[in-house]
Amino acid sequence: MILFPFISLLLGVHQWNLQDEIHYSSHAYVSPYLGFWLTVVSVGILLISFRRSSEWALLKRFKTKKAALSLFLILLICFSGFVVVNELQSQAKITKRMVVEKVVQPEELPGDAKLWEIVDYNRIVAVATVFRARVRYNSPNYYYCVPEVPVISYKLLMVVYHLMGYHAYEEPVYYLC
């Protein structure tokens, strides 16, 4: 029962991050509802009451090895929880699209489609598969493709593509006015 407020706070922060990632306009700000702030207050009250309780003295007698093992188990449970959340988001198709381009000079476009498919496209698809992304569009003549990425993996995958030497950015969204 003590872990439920902490888990709900963790899930609330994760959902806040997820909703912020789904928004397409850069000037939009996602603010949490009242339930999130009630969870923050309840966790604060729980920590204060636990600090003032008699169990706090028992916690001081806890050995360092037991505390380190407990922390390791908690981190392992959190990590496995995020893996499950990533899988659920992939199955629910909570995704965003990004454009991944090979860095070339403008005069080199259009280029040889065989060069894109053999070398770069296979590398991009291999990395996208690790992050549970799917390539939705491929343009071999212009050396780019558009993978659809689960929101939880979006920023990390973009950084990985930049480190690999590709130009990755969010797919532009055009609004009809």
C-alpha atoms as a PDB file:
ATOM      1  CA  MET A   1       0.000   0.000   0.000  1.00  0.00           C
ATOM      2  CA  ILE A   2       2.920   2.327   0.668  1.00  0.00           C
ATOM      3  CA  LEU A   3       4.260   1.857  -2.869  1.00  0.00           C
ATOM      4  CA  PHE A   4       1.007   2.834  -4.632  1.00  0.00           C
ATOM      5  CA  PRO A   5       1.449   6.636  -4.193  1.00  0.00           C
ATOM      6  CA  PHE A   6       5.033   6.397  -5.448  1.00  0.00           C
ATOM      7  CA  ILE A   7       3.996   4.287  -8.444  1.00  0.00           C
ATOM      8  CA  SER A   8       1.158   6.663  -9.299  1.00  0.00           C
ATOM      9  CA  LEU A   9       3.560   9.606  -9.081  1.00  0.00           C
ATOM     10  CA  LEU A  10       6.028   7.818 -11.379  1.00  0.00           C
ATOM     11  CA  LEU A  11       3.270   6.987 -13.871  1.00  0.00           C
ATOM     12  CA  GLY A  12       1.982  10.573 -13.699  1.00  0.00           C
ATOM     13  CA  VAL A  13       5.408  11.979 -14.563  1.00  0.00           C
ATOM     14  CA  HIS A  14       5.723   9.457 -17.384  1.00  0.00           C
ATOM     15  CA  GLN A  15       2.280  10.361 -18.763  1.00  0.00           C
ATOM     16  CA  TRP A  16       3.120  14.069 -18.533  1.00  0.00           C
ATOM     17  CA  ASN A  17       6.269  13.444 -20.592  1.00  0.00           C
ATOM     18  CA  LEU A  18       4.313  11.306 -23.056  1.00  0.00           C
ATOM     19  CA  GLN A  19       1.623  13.957 -23.586  1.00  0.00           C
ATOM     20  CA  ASP A  20       4.289  16.611 -24.041  1.00  0.00           C
ATOM     21  CA  GLU A  21       5.962  14.497 -26.741  1.00  0.00           C
ATOM     22  CA  ILE A  22       2.726  13.893 -28.639  1.00  0.00           C
ATOM     23  CA  HIS A  23       1.990  17.623 -29.064  1.00  0.00           C
ATOM     24  CA  TYR A  24       3.054  18.776 -32.499  1.00  0.00           C
ATOM     25  CA  SER A  25       3.190  22.528 -32.090  1.00  0.00           C
ATOM     26  CA  SER A  26       6.322  23.737 -30.360  1.00  0.00           C
ATOM     27  CA  HIS A  27       4.550  26.513 -28.440  1.00  0.00           C
ATOM     28  CA  ALA A  28       2.060  24.169 -26.748  1.00  0.00           C
ATOM     29  CA  TYR A  29       2.600  23.370 -23.079  1.00  0.00           C
ATOM     30  CA  VAL A  30       1.074  20.379 -21.360  1.00  0.00           C
ATOM     31  CA  SER A  31       0.066  20.957 -17.769  1.00  0.00           C
ATOM     32  CA  PRO A  32      -0.995  18.135 -15.454  1.00  0.00           C
ATOM     33  CA  TYR A  33      -4.447  17.992 -13.951  1.00  0.00           C
ATOM     34  CA  LEU A  34      -5.402  18.139 -10.294  1.00  0.00           C
ATOM     35  CA  GLY A  35      -4.866  14.396  -9.734  1.00  0.00           C
ATOM     36  CA  PHE A  36      -1.142  14.704 -10.385  1.00  0.00           C
ATOM     37  CA  TRP A  37      -0.761  17.492  -7.846  1.00  0.00           C
ATOM     38  CA  LEU A  38      -2.826  15.539  -5.304  1.00  0.00           C
ATOM     39  CA  THR A  39      -0.414  12.634  -5.779  1.00  0.00           C
ATOM     40  CA  VAL A  40       2.571  14.934  -5.211  1.00  0.00           C
ATOM     41  CA  VAL A  41       1.010  16.200  -1.970  1.00  0.00           C
ATOM     42  CA  SER A  42       0.097  12.684  -0.789  1.00  0.00           C
ATOM     43  CA  VAL A  43       3.625  11.407  -1.418  1.00  0.00           C
ATOM     44  CA  GLY A  44       5.009  14.398   0.503  1.00  0.00           C
ATOM     45  CA  ILE A  45       2.685  13.734   3.452  1.00  0.00           C
ATOM     46  CA  LEU A  46       3.570  10.037   3.361  1.00  0.00           C
ATOM     47  CA  LEU A  47       7.315  10.806   3.451  1.00  0.00           C
ATOM     48  CA  ILE A  48       6.896  13.261   6.337  1.00  0.00           C
ATOM     49  CA  SER A  49       4.780  10.827   8.356  1.00  0.00           C
ATOM     50  CA  PHE A  50       7.244   8.003   7.688  1.00  0.00           C
ATOM     51  CA  ARG A  51      10.147  10.224   8.791  1.00  0.00           C
ATOM     52  CA  ARG A  52       8.420  10.955  12.099  1.00  0.00           C
ATOM     53  CA  SER A  53       7.364   7.344  12.750  1.00  0.00           C
ATOM     54  CA  SER A  54       9.109   4.696  14.841  1.00  0.00           C
ATOM     55  CA  GLU A  55       9.975   2.699  11.698  1.00  0.00           C
ATOM     56  CA  TRP A  56      12.547   5.346  10.817  1.00  0.00           C
ATOM     57  CA  ALA A  57      14.747   4.156  13.701  1.00  0.00           C
ATOM     58  CA  LEU A  58      14.586   0.604  12.313  1.00  0.00           C
ATOM     59  CA  LEU A  59      15.666   1.913   8.925  1.00  0.00           C
ATOM     60  CA  LYS A  60      18.789   3.458  10.462  1.00  0.00           C
ATOM     61  CA  ARG A  61      19.876  -0.009  11.600  1.00  0.00           C
ATOM     62  CA  PHE A  62      19.642  -1.290   8.049  1.00  0.00           C
ATOM     63  CA  LYS A  63      22.989  -2.535   6.790  1.00  0.00           C
ATOM     64  CA  THR A  64      24.578  -0.849   3.771  1.00  0.00           C
ATOM     65  CA  LYS A  65      24.610  -4.060   1.740  1.00  0.00           C
ATOM     66  CA  LYS A  66      20.913  -4.628   2.294  1.00  0.00           C
ATOM     67  CA  ALA A  67      20.157  -1.021   1.350  1.00  0.00           C
ATOM     68  CA  ALA A  68      22.251  -1.328  -1.821  1.00  0.00           C
ATOM     69  CA  LEU A  69      20.523  -4.594  -2.749  1.00  0.00           C
ATOM     70  CA  SER A  70      17.112  -3.047  -2.131  1.00  0.00           C
ATOM     71  CA  LEU A  71      17.993  -0.037  -4.285  1.00  0.00           C
ATOM     72  CA  PHE A  72      19.232  -2.355  -7.031  1.00  0.00           C
ATOM     73  CA  LEU A  73      15.987  -4.357  -6.944  1.00  0.00           C
ATOM     74  CA  ILE A  74      13.882  -1.182  -7.063  1.00  0.00           C
ATOM     75  CA  LEU A  75      15.853   0.103 -10.077  1.00  0.00           C
ATOM     76  CA  LEU A  76      15.501  -3.280 -11.782  1.00  0.00           C
ATOM     77  CA  ILE A  77      11.732  -3.237 -11.261  1.00  0.00           C
ATOM     78  CA  CYS A  78      11.525   0.342 -12.606  1.00  0.00           C
ATOM     79  CA  PHE A  79      13.617  -0.566 -15.662  1.00  0.00           C
ATOM     80  CA  SER A  80      11.493  -3.612 -16.435  1.00  0.00           C
ATOM     81  CA  GLY A  81       8.389  -1.452 -15.967  1.00  0.00           C
ATOM     82  CA  PHE A  82       9.628   1.020 -18.575  1.00  0.00           C
ATOM     83  CA  VAL A  83      10.304  -1.868 -20.972  1.00  0.00           C
ATOM     84  CA  VAL A  84       6.719  -3.021 -20.515  1.00  0.00           C
ATOM     85  CA  VAL A  85       5.431   0.548 -21.024  1.00  0.00           C
ATOM     86  CA  ASN A  86       7.517   0.835 -24.210  1.00  0.00           C
ATOM     87  CA  GLU A  87       5.995  -2.389 -25.515  1.00  0.00           C
ATOM     88  CA  LEU A  88       2.475  -1.237 -24.651  1.00  0.00           C
ATOM     89  CA  GLN A  89       3.048   2.073 -26.451  1.00  0.00           C
ATOM     90  CA  SER A  90       4.381   0.239 -29.469  1.00  0.00           C
ATOM     91  CA  GLN A  91       1.340  -2.036 -29.514  1.00  0.00           C
ATOM     92  CA  ALA A  92      -1.045   0.917 -29.019  1.00  0.00           C
ATOM     93  CA  LYS A  93       0.699   2.847 -31.820  1.00  0.00           C
ATOM     94  CA  ILE A  94       1.407   5.970 -29.750  1.00  0.00           C
ATOM     95  CA  THR A  95       4.010   7.157 -32.222  1.00  0.00           C
ATOM     96  CA  LYS A  96       5.585  10.153 -33.894  1.00  0.00           C
ATOM     97  CA  ARG A  97       7.284  10.350 -37.253  1.00  0.00           C
ATOM     98  CA  MET A  98      10.791  11.598 -37.892  1.00  0.00           C
ATOM     99  CA  VAL A  99      12.752  12.210 -41.071  1.00  0.00           C
ATOM    100  CA  VAL A 100      16.214  10.643 -41.316  1.00  0.00           C
ATOM    101  CA  GLU A 101      18.416  11.947 -44.132  1.00  0.00           C
ATOM    102  CA  LYS A 102      21.867  11.171 -45.380  1.00  0.00           C
ATOM    103  CA  VAL A 103      23.980  14.310 -45.301  1.00  0.00           C
ATOM    104  CA  VAL A 104      24.703  15.133 -48.966  1.00  0.00           C
ATOM    105  CA  GLN A 105      25.276  18.241 -51.035  1.00  0.00           C
ATOM    106  CA  PRO A 106      22.205  19.652 -52.819  1.00  0.00           C
ATOM    107  CA  GLU A 107      23.812  19.142 -56.231  1.00  0.00           C
ATOM    108  CA  GLU A 108      24.073  15.394 -55.510  1.00  0.00           C
ATOM    109  CA  LEU A 109      20.260  15.064 -55.474  1.00  0.00           C
ATOM    110  CA  PRO A 110      18.632  13.058 -56.942  1.00  0.00           C
ATOM    111  CA  GLY A 111      21.211  10.363 -56.365  1.00  0.00           C
ATOM    112  CA  ASP A 112      21.832   6.707 -57.029  1.00  0.00           C
ATOM    113  CA  ALA A 113      19.135   4.647 -55.344  1.00  0.00           C
ATOM    114  CA  LYS A 114      21.431   1.612 -55.046  1.00  0.00           C
ATOM    115  CA  LEU A 115      23.820   3.475 -52.744  1.00  0.00           C
ATOM    116  CA  TRP A 116      20.999   4.400 -50.364  1.00  0.00           C
ATOM    117  CA  GLU A 117      19.417   0.954 -50.193  1.00  0.00           C
ATOM    118  CA  ILE A 118      22.620  -1.019 -49.684  1.00  0.00           C
ATOM    119  CA  VAL A 119      24.469   1.011 -47.082  1.00  0.00           C
ATOM    120  CA  ASP A 120      22.467   3.667 -45.286  1.00  0.00           C
ATOM    121  CA  TYR A 121      18.934   2.336 -45.445  1.00  0.00           C
ATOM    122  CA  ASN A 122      19.920  -0.991 -43.878  1.00  0.00           C
ATOM    123  CA  ARG A 123      21.719   0.773 -41.018  1.00  0.00           C
ATOM    124  CA  ILE A 124      18.742   3.041 -40.356  1.00  0.00           C
ATOM    125  CA  VAL A 125      16.287   0.136 -40.386  1.00  0.00           C
ATOM    126  CA  ALA A 126      18.500  -1.976 -38.100  1.00  0.00           C
ATOM    127  CA  VAL A 127      18.678   0.775 -35.479  1.00  0.00           C
ATOM    128  CA  ALA A 128      14.964   1.551 -35.865  1.00  0.00           C
ATOM    129  CA  THR A 129      14.122  -2.093 -35.205  1.00  0.00           C
ATOM    130  CA  VAL A 130      15.948  -1.986 -31.871  1.00  0.00           C
ATOM    131  CA  PHE A 131      13.752   0.969 -30.832  1.00  0.00           C
ATOM    132  CA  ARG A 132      10.552  -0.731 -32.145  1.00  0.00           C
ATOM    133  CA  ALA A 133      10.186   1.820 -34.958  1.00  0.00           C
ATOM    134  CA  ARG A 134       8.811   1.060 -38.413  1.00  0.00           C
ATOM    135  CA  VAL A 135       9.867   2.765 -41.630  1.00  0.00           C
ATOM    136  CA  ARG A 136       6.724   4.192 -43.237  1.00  0.00           C
ATOM    137  CA  TYR A 137       8.248   5.916 -46.264  1.00  0.00           C
ATOM    138  CA  ASN A 138      11.538   5.543 -48.112  1.00  0.00           C
ATOM    139  CA  SER A 139      12.915   7.815 -50.845  1.00  0.00           C
ATOM    140  CA  PRO A 140      16.116   6.254 -52.264  1.00  0.00           C
ATOM    141  CA  ASN A 141      16.637   8.975 -54.887  1.00  0.00           C
ATOM    142  CA  TYR A 142      16.673  11.713 -52.238  1.00  0.00           C
ATOM    143  CA  TYR A 143      18.433   9.701 -49.507  1.00  0.00           C
ATOM    144  CA  TYR A 144      15.832   9.902 -46.751  1.00  0.00           C
ATOM    145  CA  CYS A 145      13.228   7.798 -45.014  1.00  0.00           C
ATOM    146  CA  VAL A 146      10.462   8.391 -42.497  1.00  0.00           C
ATOM    147  CA  PRO A 147      10.337   5.982 -39.544  1.00  0.00           C
ATOM    148  CA  GLU A 148       7.392   5.926 -37.146  1.00  0.00           C
ATOM    149  CA  VAL A 149       8.802   5.751 -33.616  1.00  0.00           C
ATOM    150  CA  PRO A 150       7.127   5.033 -30.245  1.00  0.00           C
ATOM    151  CA  VAL A 151       7.026   8.303 -28.333  1.00  0.00           C
ATOM    152  CA  ILE A 152       9.018   6.964 -25.389  1.00  0.00           C
ATOM    153  CA  SER A 153      11.983   6.193 -27.688  1.00  0.00           C
ATOM    154  CA  TYR A 154      11.738   9.262 -29.935  1.00  0.00           C
ATOM    155  CA  LYS A 155      14.389  11.579 -28.450  1.00  0.00           C
ATOM    156  CA  LEU A 156      16.864   8.779 -27.818  1.00  0.00           C
ATOM    157  CA  LEU A 157      16.547   7.444 -31.374  1.00  0.00           C
ATOM    158  CA  MET A 158      17.044  10.944 -32.765  1.00  0.00           C
ATOM    159  CA  VAL A 159      20.278  11.284 -30.776  1.00  0.00           C
ATOM    160  CA  VAL A 160      21.463   7.861 -31.987  1.00  0.00           C
ATOM    161  CA  TYR A 161      20.887   8.857 -35.629  1.00  0.00           C
ATOM    162  CA  HIS A 162      22.784  12.116 -35.095  1.00  0.00           C
ATOM    163  CA  LEU A 163      25.687  10.168 -33.579  1.00  0.00           C
ATOM    164  CA  MET A 164      25.643   7.839 -36.606  1.00  0.00           C
ATOM    165  CA  GLY A 165      26.119  10.875 -38.892  1.00  0.00           C
ATOM    166  CA  TYR A 166      22.571  11.261 -40.222  1.00  0.00           C
ATOM    167  CA  HIS A 167      20.362  14.311 -40.096  1.00  0.00           C
ATOM    168  CA  ALA A 168      17.227  13.397 -38.083  1.00  0.00           C
ATOM    169  CA  TYR A 169      14.406  15.809 -37.332  1.00  0.00           C
ATOM    170  CA  GLU A 170      10.690  15.826 -36.574  1.00  0.00           C
ATOM    171  CA  GLU A 171       8.458  15.406 -39.585  1.00  0.00           C
ATOM    172  CA  PRO A 172       6.819  18.760 -40.334  1.00  0.00           C
ATOM    173  CA  VAL A 173       3.082  18.886 -39.757  1.00  0.00           C
ATOM    174  CA  TYR A 174       1.037  21.247 -41.855  1.00  0.00           C
ATOM    175  CA  TYR A 175      -2.176  22.562 -40.368  1.00  0.00           C
ATOM    176  CA  LEU A 176      -5.167  23.342 -42.522  1.00  0.00           C
ATOM    177  CA  CYS A 177      -6.524  26.772 -41.639  1.00  0.00           C
END
